């Protein structure tokens, strides 16, 4: 699919991006979101965005470039670019959300084990 290269009016661009963001927020479940993402993005686009977030997460966890290259199948240049991007507030917020989810999952499992005793 080819998207027009004509630039949008900045105000209108901001409006449609906010509408897109609101649409994402309105999904009620992981299943709904997954259906949307797999229908909206082609496989390559979805994988690209998922890899970007994964690289940033792995960097935050202290993984080496070599480990990231091997596991996520990206180049050193891509890792370096994402390392710069991950310092931006929005990217950093996404990583915080991922870490919070990971923390919650770990504690939920610990609680389940404790309750079973």
PDB file of N, CA and C in Angstrom:
ATOM      1  N   UNK A   1       0.848  -1.171   0.000  1.00  0.00           N
ATOM      2  CA  UNK A   1       0.000   0.000   0.000  1.00  0.00           C
ATOM      3  C   UNK A   1       0.895   1.236   0.000  1.00  0.00           C
ATOM      4  N   UNK A   2       0.596   2.147  -0.855  1.00  0.00           N
ATOM      5  CA  UNK A   2       1.364   3.387  -0.964  1.00  0.00           C
ATOM      6  C   UNK A   2       0.548   4.530  -0.368  1.00  0.00           C
ATOM      7  N   UNK A   3       1.174   5.244   0.535  1.00  0.00           N
ATOM      8  CA  UNK A   3       0.546   6.407   1.158  1.00  0.00           C
ATOM      9  C   UNK A   3       1.081   7.650   0.457  1.00  0.00           C
ATOM     10  N   UNK A   4       0.218   8.620   0.259  1.00  0.00           N
ATOM     11  CA  UNK A   4       0.608   9.876  -0.391  1.00  0.00           C
ATOM     12  C   UNK A   4       1.761  10.528   0.351  1.00  0.00           C
ATOM     13  N   UNK A   5       2.675  11.102  -0.394  1.00  0.00           N
ATOM     14  CA  UNK A   5       3.799  11.812   0.210  1.00  0.00           C
ATOM     15  C   UNK A   5       3.481  13.282   0.428  1.00  0.00           C
ATOM     16  N   UNK A   6       2.272  13.711   0.081  1.00  0.00           N
ATOM     17  CA  UNK A   6       1.857  15.096   0.320  1.00  0.00           C
ATOM     18  C   UNK A   6       1.739  15.314   1.825  1.00  0.00           C
ATOM     19  N   UNK A   7       2.300  16.397   2.294  1.00  0.00           N
ATOM     20  CA  UNK A   7       2.299  16.695   3.724  1.00  0.00           C
ATOM     21  C   UNK A   7       0.954  17.253   4.172  1.00  0.00           C
ATOM     22  N   UNK A   8       0.532  16.818   5.355  1.00  0.00           N
ATOM     23  CA  UNK A   8      -0.707  17.307   5.949  1.00  0.00           C
ATOM     24  C   UNK A   8      -0.474  18.648   6.641  1.00  0.00           C
ATOM     25  N   UNK A   9      -1.522  19.409   6.773  1.00  0.00           N
ATOM     26  CA  UNK A   9      -1.520  20.603   7.604  1.00  0.00           C
ATOM     27  C   UNK A   9      -1.161  20.137   9.021  1.00  0.00           C
ATOM     28  N   UNK A  10      -0.251  20.837   9.704  1.00  0.00           N
ATOM     29  CA  UNK A  10       0.243  20.408  11.019  1.00  0.00           C
ATOM     30  C   UNK A  10      -0.887  20.225  12.037  1.00  0.00           C
ATOM     31  N   UNK A  11      -1.821  21.137  12.064  1.00  0.00           N
ATOM     32  CA  UNK A  11      -2.943  21.055  13.007  1.00  0.00           C
ATOM     33  C   UNK A  11      -3.798  19.820  12.725  1.00  0.00           C
ATOM     34  N   UNK A  12      -4.083  19.587  11.451  1.00  0.00           N
ATOM     35  CA  UNK A  12      -4.886  18.420  11.076  1.00  0.00           C
ATOM     36  C   UNK A  12      -4.128  17.135  11.370  1.00  0.00           C
ATOM     37  N   UNK A  13      -2.825  17.141  11.117  1.00  0.00           N
ATOM     38  CA  UNK A  13      -1.996  15.969  11.414  1.00  0.00           C
ATOM     39  C   UNK A  13      -2.071  15.632  12.901  1.00  0.00           C
ATOM     40  N   UNK A  14      -1.925  16.640  13.754  1.00  0.00           N
ATOM     41  CA  UNK A  14      -2.015  16.417  15.203  1.00  0.00           C
ATOM     42  C   UNK A  14      -3.386  15.858  15.586  1.00  0.00           C
ATOM     43  N   UNK A  15      -4.425  16.363  14.951  1.00  0.00           N
ATOM     44  CA  UNK A  15      -5.785  15.908  15.243  1.00  0.00           C
ATOM     45  C   UNK A  15      -5.960  14.433  14.884  1.00  0.00           C
ATOM     46  N   UNK A  16      -5.496  14.031  13.714  1.00  0.00           N
ATOM     47  CA  UNK A  16      -5.714  12.629  13.331  1.00  0.00           C
ATOM     48  C   UNK A  16      -4.815  11.688  14.129  1.00  0.00           C
ATOM     49  N   UNK A  17      -3.645  12.160  14.565  1.00  0.00           N
ATOM     50  CA  UNK A  17      -2.786  11.329  15.421  1.00  0.00           C
ATOM     51  C   UNK A  17      -3.444  11.138  16.786  1.00  0.00           C
ATOM     52  N   UNK A  18      -4.037  12.202  17.322  1.00  0.00           N
ATOM     53  CA  UNK A  18      -4.745  12.084  18.604  1.00  0.00           C
ATOM     54  C   UNK A  18      -5.949  11.147  18.474  1.00  0.00           C
ATOM     55  N   UNK A  19      -6.634  11.211  17.350  1.00  0.00           N
ATOM     56  CA  UNK A  19      -7.767  10.310  17.119  1.00  0.00           C
ATOM     57  C   UNK A  19      -7.279   8.862  17.062  1.00  0.00           C
ATOM     58  N   UNK A  20      -6.162   8.636  16.387  1.00  0.00           N
ATOM     59  CA  UNK A  20      -5.571   7.300  16.319  1.00  0.00           C
ATOM     60  C   UNK A  20      -5.222   6.810  17.723  1.00  0.00           C
ATOM     61  N   UNK A  21      -4.572   7.672  18.517  1.00  0.00           N
ATOM     62  CA  UNK A  21      -4.200   7.304  19.888  1.00  0.00           C
ATOM     63  C   UNK A  21      -5.439   6.988  20.726  1.00  0.00           C
ATOM     64  N   UNK A  22      -6.479   7.787  20.589  1.00  0.00           N
ATOM     65  CA  UNK A  22      -7.712   7.549  21.336  1.00  0.00           C
ATOM     66  C   UNK A  22      -8.332   6.210  20.943  1.00  0.00           C
ATOM     67  N   UNK A  23      -8.278   5.882  19.675  1.00  0.00           N
ATOM     68  CA  UNK A  23      -8.793   4.602  19.207  1.00  0.00           C
ATOM     69  C   UNK A  23      -8.048   3.453  19.886  1.00  0.00           C
ATOM     70  N   UNK A  24      -6.733   3.574  19.993  1.00  0.00           N
ATOM     71  CA  UNK A  24      -5.946   2.529  20.653  1.00  0.00           C
ATOM     72  C   UNK A  24      -6.323   2.403  22.128  1.00  0.00           C
ATOM     73  N   UNK A  25      -6.508   3.526  22.776  1.00  0.00           N
ATOM     74  CA  UNK A  25      -6.884   3.515  24.193  1.00  0.00           C
ATOM     75  C   UNK A  25      -8.236   2.839  24.411  1.00  0.00           C
ATOM     76  N   UNK A  26      -9.126   2.989  23.448  1.00  0.00           N
ATOM     77  CA  UNK A  26     -10.493   2.485  23.601  1.00  0.00           C
ATOM     78  C   UNK A  26     -10.631   0.967  23.464  1.00  0.00           C
ATOM     79  N   UNK A  27      -9.592   0.283  23.016  1.00  0.00           N
ATOM     80  CA  UNK A  27      -9.700  -1.180  22.961  1.00  0.00           C
ATOM     81  C   UNK A  27      -9.815  -1.720  24.374  1.00  0.00           C
ATOM     82  N   UNK A  28     -10.710  -2.677  24.552  1.00  0.00           N
ATOM     83  CA  UNK A  28     -11.032  -3.169  25.894  1.00  0.00           C
ATOM     84  C   UNK A  28     -10.200  -4.371  26.328  1.00  0.00           C
ATOM     85  N   UNK A  29      -9.551  -5.028  25.389  1.00  0.00           N
ATOM     86  CA  UNK A  29      -8.809  -6.233  25.761  1.00  0.00           C
ATOM     87  C   UNK A  29      -7.598  -6.410  24.859  1.00  0.00           C
ATOM     88  N   UNK A  30      -6.716  -7.289  25.305  1.00  0.00           N
ATOM     89  CA  UNK A  30      -5.552  -7.630  24.509  1.00  0.00           C
ATOM     90  C   UNK A  30      -5.986  -8.247  23.185  1.00  0.00           C
ATOM     91  N   UNK A  31      -7.038  -9.060  23.219  1.00  0.00           N
ATOM     92  CA  UNK A  31      -7.542  -9.707  22.007  1.00  0.00           C
ATOM     93  C   UNK A  31      -8.025  -8.677  20.982  1.00  0.00           C
ATOM     94  N   UNK A  32      -8.782  -7.687  21.443  1.00  0.00           N
ATOM     95  CA  UNK A  32      -9.247  -6.619  20.543  1.00  0.00           C
ATOM     96  C   UNK A  32      -8.064  -5.875  19.932  1.00  0.00           C
ATOM     97  N   UNK A  33      -7.097  -5.531  20.774  1.00  0.00           N
ATOM     98  CA  UNK A  33      -5.924  -4.795  20.300  1.00  0.00           C
ATOM     99  C   UNK A  33      -5.140  -5.639  19.303  1.00  0.00           C
ATOM    100  N   UNK A  34      -4.958  -6.904  19.605  1.00  0.00           N
ATOM    101  CA  UNK A  34      -4.217  -7.795  18.709  1.00  0.00           C
ATOM    102  C   UNK A  34      -4.915  -7.903  17.350  1.00  0.00           C
ATOM    103  N   UNK A  35      -6.228  -8.044  17.362  1.00  0.00           N
ATOM    104  CA  UNK A  35      -6.977  -8.114  16.101  1.00  0.00           C
ATOM    105  C   UNK A  35      -6.764  -6.857  15.276  1.00  0.00           C
ATOM    106  N   UNK A  36      -6.843  -5.717  15.930  1.00  0.00           N
ATOM    107  CA  UNK A  36      -6.638  -4.457  15.225  1.00  0.00           C
ATOM    108  C   UNK A  36      -5.231  -4.374  14.635  1.00  0.00           C
ATOM    109  N   UNK A  37      -4.234  -4.625  15.468  1.00  0.00           N
ATOM    110  CA  UNK A  37      -2.851  -4.481  15.011  1.00  0.00           C
ATOM    111  C   UNK A  37      -2.538  -5.401  13.837  1.00  0.00           C
ATOM    112  N   UNK A  38      -2.999  -6.637  13.917  1.00  0.00           N
ATOM    113  CA  UNK A  38      -2.695  -7.581  12.831  1.00  0.00           C
ATOM    114  C   UNK A  38      -3.481  -7.268  11.559  1.00  0.00           C
ATOM    115  N   UNK A  39      -4.624  -6.618  11.690  1.00  0.00           N
ATOM    116  CA  UNK A  39      -5.377  -6.198  10.503  1.00  0.00           C
ATOM    117  C   UNK A  39      -4.853  -4.876   9.938  1.00  0.00           C
ATOM    118  N   UNK A  40      -4.466  -3.976  10.805  1.00  0.00           N
ATOM    119  CA  UNK A  40      -4.078  -2.624  10.408  1.00  0.00           C
ATOM    120  C   UNK A  40      -2.688  -2.576   9.785  1.00  0.00           C
ATOM    121  N   UNK A  41      -1.728  -3.258  10.425  1.00  0.00           N
ATOM    122  CA  UNK A  41      -0.355  -3.279   9.933  1.00  0.00           C
ATOM    123  C   UNK A  41      -0.107  -4.551   9.141  1.00  0.00           C
ATOM    124  N   UNK A  42       0.746  -4.459   8.112  1.00  0.00           N
ATOM    125  CA  UNK A  42       1.151  -5.702   7.464  1.00  0.00           C
ATOM    126  C   UNK A  42       2.179  -6.377   8.383  1.00  0.00           C
ATOM    127  N   UNK A  43       2.513  -7.617   8.104  1.00  0.00           N
ATOM    128  CA  UNK A  43       3.410  -8.377   8.992  1.00  0.00           C
ATOM    129  C   UNK A  43       4.738  -7.662   9.229  1.00  0.00           C
ATOM    130  N   UNK A  44       5.297  -7.105   8.183  1.00  0.00           N
ATOM    131  CA  UNK A  44       6.594  -6.437   8.280  1.00  0.00           C
ATOM    132  C   UNK A  44       6.509  -5.184   9.155  1.00  0.00           C
ATOM    133  N   UNK A  45       5.464  -4.379   8.977  1.00  0.00           N
ATOM    134  CA  UNK A  45       5.296  -3.163   9.782  1.00  0.00           C
ATOM    135  C   UNK A  45       5.129  -3.512  11.259  1.00  0.00           C
ATOM    136  N   UNK A  46       4.292  -4.482  11.540  1.00  0.00           N
ATOM    137  CA  UNK A  46       4.036  -4.872  12.928  1.00  0.00           C
ATOM    138  C   UNK A  46       5.308  -5.405  13.576  1.00  0.00           C
ATOM    139  N   UNK A  47       6.041  -6.228  12.842  1.00  0.00           N
ATOM    140  CA  UNK A  47       7.295  -6.769  13.376  1.00  0.00           C
ATOM    141  C   UNK A  47       8.300  -5.653  13.635  1.00  0.00           C
ATOM    142  N   UNK A  48       8.370  -4.679  12.744  1.00  0.00           N
ATOM    143  CA  UNK A  48       9.292  -3.557  12.903  1.00  0.00           C
ATOM    144  C   UNK A  48       9.005  -2.793  14.191  1.00  0.00           C
ATOM    145  N   UNK A  49       7.738  -2.462  14.419  1.00  0.00           N
ATOM    146  CA  UNK A  49       7.378  -1.718  15.630  1.00  0.00           C
ATOM    147  C   UNK A  49       7.611  -2.548  16.892  1.00  0.00           C
ATOM    148  N   UNK A  50       7.287  -3.818  16.837  1.00  0.00           N
ATOM    149  CA  UNK A  50       7.500  -4.697  17.992  1.00  0.00           C
ATOM    150  C   UNK A  50       8.995  -4.836  18.295  1.00  0.00           C
ATOM    151  N   UNK A  51       9.798  -4.944  17.244  1.00  0.00           N
ATOM    152  CA  UNK A  51      11.249  -5.045  17.440  1.00  0.00           C
ATOM    153  C   UNK A  51      11.809  -3.778  18.073  1.00  0.00           C
ATOM    154  N   UNK A  52      11.337  -2.619  17.634  1.00  0.00           N
ATOM    155  CA  UNK A  52      11.829  -1.357  18.207  1.00  0.00           C
ATOM    156  C   UNK A  52      11.621  -1.332  19.712  1.00  0.00           C
ATOM    157  N   UNK A  53      10.430  -1.677  20.127  1.00  0.00           N
ATOM    158  CA  UNK A  53      10.121  -1.664  21.552  1.00  0.00           C
ATOM    159  C   UNK A  53      10.937  -2.727  22.294  1.00  0.00           C
ATOM    160  N   UNK A  54      11.104  -3.882  21.684  1.00  0.00           N
ATOM    161  CA  UNK A  54      11.896  -4.955  22.306  1.00  0.00           C
ATOM    162  C   UNK A  54      13.353  -4.555  22.464  1.00  0.00           C
ATOM    163  N   UNK A  55      13.909  -3.914  21.458  1.00  0.00           N
ATOM    164  CA  UNK A  55      15.305  -3.465  21.545  1.00  0.00           C
ATOM    165  C   UNK A  55      15.451  -2.477  22.699  1.00  0.00           C
ATOM    166  N   UNK A  56      14.548  -1.518  22.796  1.00  0.00           N
ATOM    167  CA  UNK A  56      14.615  -0.526  23.876  1.00  0.00           C
ATOM    168  C   UNK A  56      14.509  -1.208  25.241  1.00  0.00           C
ATOM    169  N   UNK A  57      13.632  -2.174  25.336  1.00  0.00           N
ATOM    170  CA  UNK A  57      13.448  -2.913  26.593  1.00  0.00           C
ATOM    171  C   UNK A  57      14.710  -3.692  26.950  1.00  0.00           C
ATOM    172  N   UNK A  58      15.272  -4.392  25.977  1.00  0.00           N
ATOM    173  CA  UNK A  58      16.501  -5.157  26.221  1.00  0.00           C
ATOM    174  C   UNK A  58      17.651  -4.233  26.623  1.00  0.00           C
ATOM    175  N   UNK A  59      17.761  -3.072  25.978  1.00  0.00           N
ATOM    176  CA  UNK A  59      18.794  -2.114  26.356  1.00  0.00           C
ATOM    177  C   UNK A  59      18.613  -1.668  27.798  1.00  0.00           C
ATOM    178  N   UNK A  60      17.385  -1.383  28.172  1.00  0.00           N
ATOM    179  CA  UNK A  60      17.090  -0.953  29.546  1.00  0.00           C
ATOM    180  C   UNK A  60      17.466  -2.040  30.547  1.00  0.00           C
ATOM    181  N   UNK A  61      17.332  -3.291  30.131  1.00  0.00           N
ATOM    182  CA  UNK A  61      17.681  -4.423  30.990  1.00  0.00           C
ATOM    183  C   UNK A  61      19.182  -4.690  31.016  1.00  0.00           C
ATOM    184  N   UNK A  62      19.945  -3.927  30.218  1.00  0.00           N
ATOM    185  CA  UNK A  62      21.395  -4.051  30.235  1.00  0.00           C
ATOM    186  C   UNK A  62      21.965  -5.114  29.303  1.00  0.00           C
ATOM    187  N   UNK A  63      21.160  -5.574  28.378  1.00  0.00           N
ATOM    188  CA  UNK A  63      21.665  -6.576  27.437  1.00  0.00           C
ATOM    189  C   UNK A  63      22.643  -5.930  26.457  1.00  0.00           C
ATOM    190  N   UNK A  64      23.599  -6.709  26.008  1.00  0.00           N
ATOM    191  CA  UNK A  64      24.613  -6.218  25.083  1.00  0.00           C
ATOM    192  C   UNK A  64      24.055  -6.100  23.668  1.00  0.00           C
ATOM    193  N   UNK A  65      24.740  -5.299  22.854  1.00  0.00           N
ATOM    194  CA  UNK A  65      24.355  -5.181  21.447  1.00  0.00           C
ATOM    195  C   UNK A  65      24.363  -6.566  20.796  1.00  0.00           C
ATOM    196  N   UNK A  66      25.383  -7.354  21.092  1.00  0.00           N
ATOM    197  CA  UNK A  66      25.512  -8.677  20.471  1.00  0.00           C
ATOM    198  C   UNK A  66      24.328  -9.570  20.847  1.00  0.00           C
ATOM    199  N   UNK A  67      23.935  -9.528  22.106  1.00  0.00           N
ATOM    200  CA  UNK A  67      22.794 -10.326  22.553  1.00  0.00           C
ATOM    201  C   UNK A  67      21.521  -9.879  21.833  1.00  0.00           C
ATOM    202  N   UNK A  68      21.336  -8.573  21.713  1.00  0.00           N
ATOM    203  CA  UNK A  68      20.146  -8.032  21.048  1.00  0.00           C
ATOM    204  C   UNK A  68      20.158  -8.394  19.566  1.00  0.00           C
ATOM    205  N   UNK A  69      21.317  -8.230  18.918  1.00  0.00           N
ATOM    206  CA  UNK A  69      21.432  -8.581  17.498  1.00  0.00           C
ATOM    207  C   UNK A  69      21.064 -10.046  17.271  1.00  0.00           C
ATOM    208  N   UNK A  70      21.547 -10.916  18.126  1.00  0.00           N
ATOM    209  CA  UNK A  70      21.295 -12.345  17.986  1.00  0.00           C
ATOM    210  C   UNK A  70      19.832 -12.695  18.219  1.00  0.00           C
ATOM    211  N   UNK A  71      19.254 -12.143  19.258  1.00  0.00           N
ATOM    212  CA  UNK A  71      17.884 -12.512  19.641  1.00  0.00           C
ATOM    213  C   UNK A  71      16.803 -11.812  18.831  1.00  0.00           C
ATOM    214  N   UNK A  72      16.981 -10.537  18.539  1.00  0.00           N
ATOM    215  CA  UNK A  72      15.928  -9.777  17.869  1.00  0.00           C
ATOM    216  C   UNK A  72      16.184  -9.647  16.367  1.00  0.00           C
ATOM    217  N   UNK A  73      17.374 -10.030  15.944  1.00  0.00           N
ATOM    218  CA  UNK A  73      17.711 -10.014  14.506  1.00  0.00           C
ATOM    219  C   UNK A  73      17.656  -8.605  13.926  1.00  0.00           C
ATOM    220  N   UNK A  74      18.407  -7.704  14.565  1.00  0.00           N
ATOM    221  CA  UNK A  74      18.529  -6.332  14.087  1.00  0.00           C
ATOM    222  C   UNK A  74      20.015  -5.983  13.994  1.00  0.00           C
ATOM    223  N   UNK A  75      20.324  -4.917  13.280  1.00  0.00           N
ATOM    224  CA  UNK A  75      21.709  -4.495  13.116  1.00  0.00           C
ATOM    225  C   UNK A  75      22.157  -3.609  14.282  1.00  0.00           C
ATOM    226  N   UNK A  76      23.457  -3.455  14.403  1.00  0.00           N
ATOM    227  CA  UNK A  76      24.014  -2.547  15.415  1.00  0.00           C
ATOM    228  C   UNK A  76      23.534  -1.120  15.186  1.00  0.00           C
ATOM    229  N   UNK A  77      23.405  -0.729  13.922  1.00  0.00           N
ATOM    230  CA  UNK A  77      22.923   0.621  13.596  1.00  0.00           C
ATOM    231  C   UNK A  77      21.494   0.821  14.106  1.00  0.00           C
ATOM    232  N   UNK A  78      20.664  -0.187  13.933  1.00  0.00           N
ATOM    233  CA  UNK A  78      19.281  -0.102  14.432  1.00  0.00           C
ATOM    234  C   UNK A  78      19.276   0.016  15.947  1.00  0.00           C
ATOM    235  N   UNK A  79      20.102  -0.765  16.608  1.00  0.00           N
ATOM    236  CA  UNK A  79      20.175  -0.719  18.076  1.00  0.00           C
ATOM    237  C   UNK A  79      20.617   0.673  18.530  1.00  0.00           C
ATOM    238  N   UNK A  80      21.629   1.233  17.870  1.00  0.00           N
ATOM    239  CA  UNK A  80      22.123   2.569  18.233  1.00  0.00           C
ATOM    240  C   UNK A  80      21.041   3.626  18.041  1.00  0.00           C
ATOM    241  N   UNK A  81      20.296   3.521  16.951  1.00  0.00           N
ATOM    242  CA  UNK A  81      19.208   4.470  16.691  1.00  0.00           C
ATOM    243  C   UNK A  81      18.141   4.373  17.773  1.00  0.00           C
ATOM    244  N   UNK A  82      17.785   3.157  18.120  1.00  0.00           N
ATOM    245  CA  UNK A  82      16.741   2.967  19.130  1.00  0.00           C
ATOM    246  C   UNK A  82      17.233   3.374  20.512  1.00  0.00           C
ATOM    247  N   UNK A  83      18.524   3.208  20.755  1.00  0.00           N
ATOM    248  CA  UNK A  83      19.088   3.652  22.029  1.00  0.00           C
ATOM    249  C   UNK A  83      18.884   5.160  22.188  1.00  0.00           C
ATOM    250  N   UNK A  84      19.073   5.911  21.109  1.00  0.00           N
ATOM    251  CA  UNK A  84      18.837   7.365  21.138  1.00  0.00           C
ATOM    252  C   UNK A  84      17.350   7.658  21.319  1.00  0.00           C
ATOM    253  N   UNK A  85      16.513   6.954  20.559  1.00  0.00           N
ATOM    254  CA  UNK A  85      15.064   7.169  20.654  1.00  0.00           C
ATOM    255  C   UNK A  85      14.526   6.848  22.042  1.00  0.00           C
ATOM    256  N   UNK A  86      15.108   5.843  22.688  1.00  0.00           N
ATOM    257  CA  UNK A  86      14.587   5.393  23.983  1.00  0.00           C
ATOM    258  C   UNK A  86      14.765   6.431  25.081  1.00  0.00           C
ATOM    259  N   UNK A  87      15.536   7.460  24.810  1.00  0.00           N
ATOM    260  CA  UNK A  87      15.705   8.539  25.786  1.00  0.00           C
ATOM    261  C   UNK A  87      14.594   9.589  25.673  1.00  0.00           C
ATOM    262  N   UNK A  88      13.813   9.509  24.614  1.00  0.00           N
ATOM    263  CA  UNK A  88      12.700  10.447  24.448  1.00  0.00           C
ATOM    264  C   UNK A  88      11.597  10.091  25.442  1.00  0.00           C
ATOM    265  N   UNK A  89      10.864  11.097  25.932  1.00  0.00           N
ATOM    266  CA  UNK A  89       9.865  10.860  26.984  1.00  0.00           C
ATOM    267  C   UNK A  89       8.812   9.795  26.654  1.00  0.00           C
ATOM    268  N   UNK A  90       8.296   9.797  25.451  1.00  0.00           N
ATOM    269  CA  UNK A  90       7.264   8.821  25.096  1.00  0.00           C
ATOM    270  C   UNK A  90       7.784   7.405  25.081  1.00  0.00           C
ATOM    271  N   UNK A  91       8.964   7.241  24.551  1.00  0.00           N
ATOM    272  CA  UNK A  91       9.589   5.920  24.496  1.00  0.00           C
ATOM    273  C   UNK A  91       9.888   5.445  25.916  1.00  0.00           C
ATOM    274  N   UNK A  92      10.447   6.341  26.727  1.00  0.00           N
ATOM    275  CA  UNK A  92      10.771   5.999  28.115  1.00  0.00           C
ATOM    276  C   UNK A  92       9.504   5.600  28.883  1.00  0.00           C
ATOM    277  N   UNK A  93       8.409   6.279  28.606  1.00  0.00           N
ATOM    278  CA  UNK A  93       7.139   5.952  29.249  1.00  0.00           C
ATOM    279  C   UNK A  93       6.677   4.540  28.871  1.00  0.00           C
ATOM    280  N   UNK A  94       6.830   4.196  27.602  1.00  0.00           N
ATOM    281  CA  UNK A  94       6.449   2.849  27.158  1.00  0.00           C
ATOM    282  C   UNK A  94       7.276   1.787  27.877  1.00  0.00           C
ATOM    283  N   UNK A  95       8.554   2.043  28.041  1.00  0.00           N
ATOM    284  CA  UNK A  95       9.421   1.085  28.736  1.00  0.00           C
ATOM    285  C   UNK A  95       9.009   0.972  30.211  1.00  0.00           C
ATOM    286  N   UNK A  96       8.668   2.099  30.828  1.00  0.00           N
ATOM    287  CA  UNK A  96       8.189   2.063  32.216  1.00  0.00           C
ATOM    288  C   UNK A  96       6.930   1.210  32.337  1.00  0.00           C
ATOM    289  N   UNK A  97       6.032   1.346  31.371  1.00  0.00           N
ATOM    290  CA  UNK A  97       4.793   0.556  31.377  1.00  0.00           C
ATOM    291  C   UNK A  97       5.125  -0.929  31.259  1.00  0.00           C
ATOM    292  N   UNK A  98       6.081  -1.262  30.404  1.00  0.00           N
ATOM    293  CA  UNK A  98       6.480  -2.662  30.242  1.00  0.00           C
ATOM    294  C   UNK A  98       7.082  -3.203  31.540  1.00  0.00           C
ATOM    295  N   UNK A  99       7.911  -2.403  32.177  1.00  0.00           N
ATOM    296  CA  UNK A  99       8.527  -2.831  33.438  1.00  0.00           C
ATOM    297  C   UNK A  99       7.473  -2.996  34.531  1.00  0.00           C
ATOM    298  N   UNK A 100       6.499  -2.113  34.571  1.00  0.00           N
ATOM    299  CA  UNK A 100       5.427  -2.224  35.564  1.00  0.00           C
ATOM    300  C   UNK A 100       4.620  -3.501  35.341  1.00  0.00           C
ATOM    301  N   UNK A 101       4.347  -3.808  34.092  1.00  0.00           N
ATOM    302  CA  UNK A 101       3.613  -5.034  33.765  1.00  0.00           C
ATOM    303  C   UNK A 101       4.426  -6.264  34.166  1.00  0.00           C
ATOM    304  N   UNK A 102       5.717  -6.225  33.906  1.00  0.00           N
ATOM    305  CA  UNK A 102       6.588  -7.338  34.284  1.00  0.00           C
ATOM    306  C   UNK A 102       6.594  -7.502  35.804  1.00  0.00           C
ATOM    307  N   UNK A 103       6.728  -6.402  36.531  1.00  0.00           N
ATOM    308  CA  UNK A 103       6.732  -6.433  37.989  1.00  0.00           C
ATOM    309  C   UNK A 103       5.416  -7.005  38.509  1.00  0.00           C
ATOM    310  N   UNK A 104       4.308  -6.539  37.945  1.00  0.00           N
ATOM    311  CA  UNK A 104       2.989  -7.017  38.379  1.00  0.00           C
ATOM    312  C   UNK A 104       2.836  -8.507  38.118  1.00  0.00           C
ATOM    313  N   UNK A 105       3.323  -8.971  36.996  1.00  0.00           N
ATOM    314  CA  UNK A 105       3.226 -10.397  36.663  1.00  0.00           C
ATOM    315  C   UNK A 105       4.032 -11.249  37.627  1.00  0.00           C
ATOM    316  N   UNK A 106       5.225 -10.794  37.966  1.00  0.00           N
ATOM    317  CA  UNK A 106       6.074 -11.526  38.909  1.00  0.00           C
ATOM    318  C   UNK A 106       5.381 -11.624  40.269  1.00  0.00           C
ATOM    319  N   UNK A 107       4.855 -10.510  40.750  1.00  0.00           N
ATOM    320  CA  UNK A 107       4.202 -10.516  42.057  1.00  0.00           C
ATOM    321  C   UNK A 107       2.886 -11.290  42.036  1.00  0.00           C
ATOM    322  N   UNK A 108       2.153 -11.230  40.949  1.00  0.00           N
ATOM    323  CA  UNK A 108       0.916 -12.014  40.859  1.00  0.00           C
ATOM    324  C   UNK A 108       1.230 -13.498  40.960  1.00  0.00           C
ATOM    325  N   UNK A 109       2.296 -13.933  40.332  1.00  0.00           N
ATOM    326  CA  UNK A 109       2.699 -15.342  40.406  1.00  0.00           C
ATOM    327  C   UNK A 109       3.124 -15.714  41.826  1.00  0.00           C
ATOM    328  N   UNK A 110       3.870 -14.846  42.473  1.00  0.00           N
ATOM    329  CA  UNK A 110       4.288 -15.102  43.856  1.00  0.00           C
ATOM    330  C   UNK A 110       3.072 -15.216  44.767  1.00  0.00           C
ATOM    331  N   UNK A 111       2.101 -14.355  44.584  1.00  0.00           N
ATOM    332  CA  UNK A 111       0.877 -14.373  45.398  1.00  0.00           C
ATOM    333  C   UNK A 111       0.102 -15.655  45.149  1.00  0.00           C
ATOM    334  N   UNK A 112      -0.005 -16.056  43.849  1.00  0.00           N
ATOM    335  CA  UNK A 112      -0.709 -17.316  43.525  1.00  0.00           C
ATOM    336  C   UNK A 112      -0.050 -18.495  44.221  1.00  0.00           C
ATOM    337  N   UNK A 113       1.265 -18.552  44.222  1.00  0.00           N
ATOM    338  CA  UNK A 113       1.996 -19.637  44.880  1.00  0.00           C
ATOM    339  C   UNK A 113       1.768 -19.609  46.382  1.00  0.00           C
ATOM    340  N   UNK A 114       1.770 -18.425  46.961  1.00  0.00           N
ATOM    341  CA  UNK A 114       1.573 -18.291  48.403  1.00  0.00           C
ATOM    342  C   UNK A 114       0.160 -18.720  48.799  1.00  0.00           C
ATOM    343  N   UNK A 115      -0.831 -18.349  48.015  1.00  0.00           N
ATOM    344  CA  UNK A 115      -2.233 -18.670  48.312  1.00  0.00           C
ATOM    345  C   UNK A 115      -2.490 -20.181  48.197  1.00  0.00           C
ATOM    346  N   UNK A 116      -1.788 -20.840  47.295  1.00  0.00           N
ATOM    347  CA  UNK A 116      -1.955 -22.288  47.111  1.00  0.00           C
ATOM    348  C   UNK A 116      -1.444 -23.087  48.288  1.00  0.00           C
ATOM    349  N   UNK A 117      -0.540 -22.541  49.095  1.00  0.00           N
ATOM    350  CA  UNK A 117       0.059 -23.271  50.225  1.00  0.00           C
ATOM    351  C   UNK A 117      -0.925 -23.503  51.329  1.00  0.00           C
TER     352      UNK A 117
END
